[in-house]
Amino acid sequence: MDGYRVHRIAEALGARTGWDVDDCLALQLDRRSLPWRELREAVLAAPRDDPRARRAAELLADWD
């Protein structure tokens, strides 16, 4: 995951101004996944013939 966290922080910091202590804490606890953004469509489009694959897709569909 090299660099993804840095890119996520830069994205969040660049999206707005007026950061306070609570905002900074929320950013520290942020769990958004940049790799998931890149993989989401491919994963969710995968065949779901296998019940385990179907369940995995359901879980991943709700992930940010």
C-alpha atoms as a PDB file:
ATOM      1  CA  MET A   1       0.000   0.000   0.000  1.00  0.00           C
ATOM      2  CA  ASP A   2       2.956   2.299  -0.496  1.00  0.00           C
ATOM      3  CA  GLY A   3       1.875   5.876  -0.855  1.00  0.00           C
ATOM      4  CA  TYR A   4      -1.876   5.306  -0.700  1.00  0.00           C
ATOM      5  CA  ARG A   5      -2.207   6.748   2.791  1.00  0.00           C
ATOM      6  CA  VAL A   6      -0.189   9.817   1.840  1.00  0.00           C
ATOM      7  CA  HIS A   7      -2.356  10.332  -1.239  1.00  0.00           C
ATOM      8  CA  ARG A   8      -5.549   9.938   0.794  1.00  0.00           C
ATOM      9  CA  ILE A   9      -4.376  12.511   3.353  1.00  0.00           C
ATOM     10  CA  ALA A  10      -3.347  14.946   0.597  1.00  0.00           C
ATOM     11  CA  GLU A  11      -6.726  14.450  -1.092  1.00  0.00           C
ATOM     12  CA  ALA A  12      -8.606  15.181   2.133  1.00  0.00           C
ATOM     13  CA  LEU A  13      -6.475  18.197   3.042  1.00  0.00           C
ATOM     14  CA  GLY A  14      -6.840  19.660  -0.439  1.00  0.00           C
ATOM     15  CA  ALA A  15     -10.601  19.203  -0.525  1.00  0.00           C
ATOM     16  CA  ARG A  16     -11.334  21.858   2.071  1.00  0.00           C
ATOM     17  CA  THR A  17     -10.024  24.496   4.452  1.00  0.00           C
ATOM     18  CA  GLY A  18     -10.777  25.427   8.041  1.00  0.00           C
ATOM     19  CA  TRP A  19      -9.518  22.279   9.739  1.00  0.00           C
ATOM     20  CA  ASP A  20     -10.032  22.051  13.497  1.00  0.00           C
ATOM     21  CA  VAL A  21      -8.912  19.476  16.067  1.00  0.00           C
ATOM     22  CA  ASP A  22     -11.951  17.233  15.492  1.00  0.00           C
ATOM     23  CA  ASP A  23     -11.411  17.326  11.731  1.00  0.00           C
ATOM     24  CA  CYS A  24      -7.780  16.306  12.174  1.00  0.00           C
ATOM     25  CA  LEU A  25      -8.804  13.447  14.448  1.00  0.00           C
ATOM     26  CA  ALA A  26     -11.351  12.276  11.894  1.00  0.00           C
ATOM     27  CA  LEU A  27      -8.662  12.348   9.218  1.00  0.00           C
ATOM     28  CA  GLN A  28      -6.354  10.279  11.404  1.00  0.00           C
ATOM     29  CA  LEU A  29      -9.120   7.697  11.778  1.00  0.00           C
ATOM     30  CA  ASP A  30     -10.149   7.809   8.115  1.00  0.00           C
ATOM     31  CA  ARG A  31     -10.403   4.331   6.606  1.00  0.00           C
ATOM     32  CA  ARG A  32     -11.200   5.120   2.985  1.00  0.00           C
ATOM     33  CA  SER A  33      -9.302   2.874   0.643  1.00  0.00           C
ATOM     34  CA  LEU A  34      -7.805   4.333  -2.512  1.00  0.00           C
ATOM     35  CA  PRO A  35      -6.897   0.867  -3.846  1.00  0.00           C
ATOM     36  CA  TRP A  36     -10.556  -0.112  -3.479  1.00  0.00           C
ATOM     37  CA  ARG A  37     -11.579   2.813  -5.680  1.00  0.00           C
ATOM     38  CA  GLU A  38      -9.332   1.387  -8.381  1.00  0.00           C
ATOM     39  CA  LEU A  39     -10.561  -2.200  -8.008  1.00  0.00           C
ATOM     40  CA  ARG A  40     -14.224  -1.749  -7.104  1.00  0.00           C
ATOM     41  CA  GLU A  41     -15.832  -2.045 -10.524  1.00  0.00           C
ATOM     42  CA  ALA A  42     -13.807  -5.109 -11.524  1.00  0.00           C
ATOM     43  CA  VAL A  43     -14.467  -6.907  -8.251  1.00  0.00           C
ATOM     44  CA  LEU A  44     -18.176  -6.150  -8.241  1.00  0.00           C
ATOM     45  CA  ALA A  45     -18.512  -7.225 -11.889  1.00  0.00           C
ATOM     46  CA  ALA A  46     -16.940 -10.645 -11.230  1.00  0.00           C
ATOM     47  CA  PRO A  47     -19.186 -13.715 -11.674  1.00  0.00           C
ATOM     48  CA  ARG A  48     -21.039 -14.738  -8.537  1.00  0.00           C
ATOM     49  CA  ASP A  49     -21.680 -18.410  -9.175  1.00  0.00           C
ATOM     50  CA  ASP A  50     -19.905 -19.406  -5.972  1.00  0.00           C
ATOM     51  CA  PRO A  51     -21.772 -18.501  -2.760  1.00  0.00           C
ATOM     52  CA  ARG A  52     -18.512 -17.364  -1.159  1.00  0.00           C
ATOM     53  CA  ALA A  53     -17.774 -15.055  -4.092  1.00  0.00           C
ATOM     54  CA  ARG A  54     -21.308 -13.684  -3.907  1.00  0.00           C
ATOM     55  CA  ARG A  55     -20.958 -13.002  -0.170  1.00  0.00           C
ATOM     56  CA  ALA A  56     -17.564 -11.366  -0.666  1.00  0.00           C
ATOM     57  CA  ALA A  57     -19.016  -9.084  -3.348  1.00  0.00           C
ATOM     58  CA  GLU A  58     -21.890  -8.123  -1.034  1.00  0.00           C
ATOM     59  CA  LEU A  59     -19.477  -7.202   1.748  1.00  0.00           C
ATOM     60  CA  LEU A  60     -17.230  -5.248  -0.580  1.00  0.00           C
ATOM     61  CA  ALA A  61     -20.127  -3.404  -2.233  1.00  0.00           C
ATOM     62  CA  ASP A  62     -20.803  -1.527   1.003  1.00  0.00           C
ATOM     63  CA  TRP A  63     -17.178  -0.601   1.578  1.00  0.00           C
ATOM     64  CA  ASP A  64     -16.696   3.145   1.000  1.00  0.00           C
END
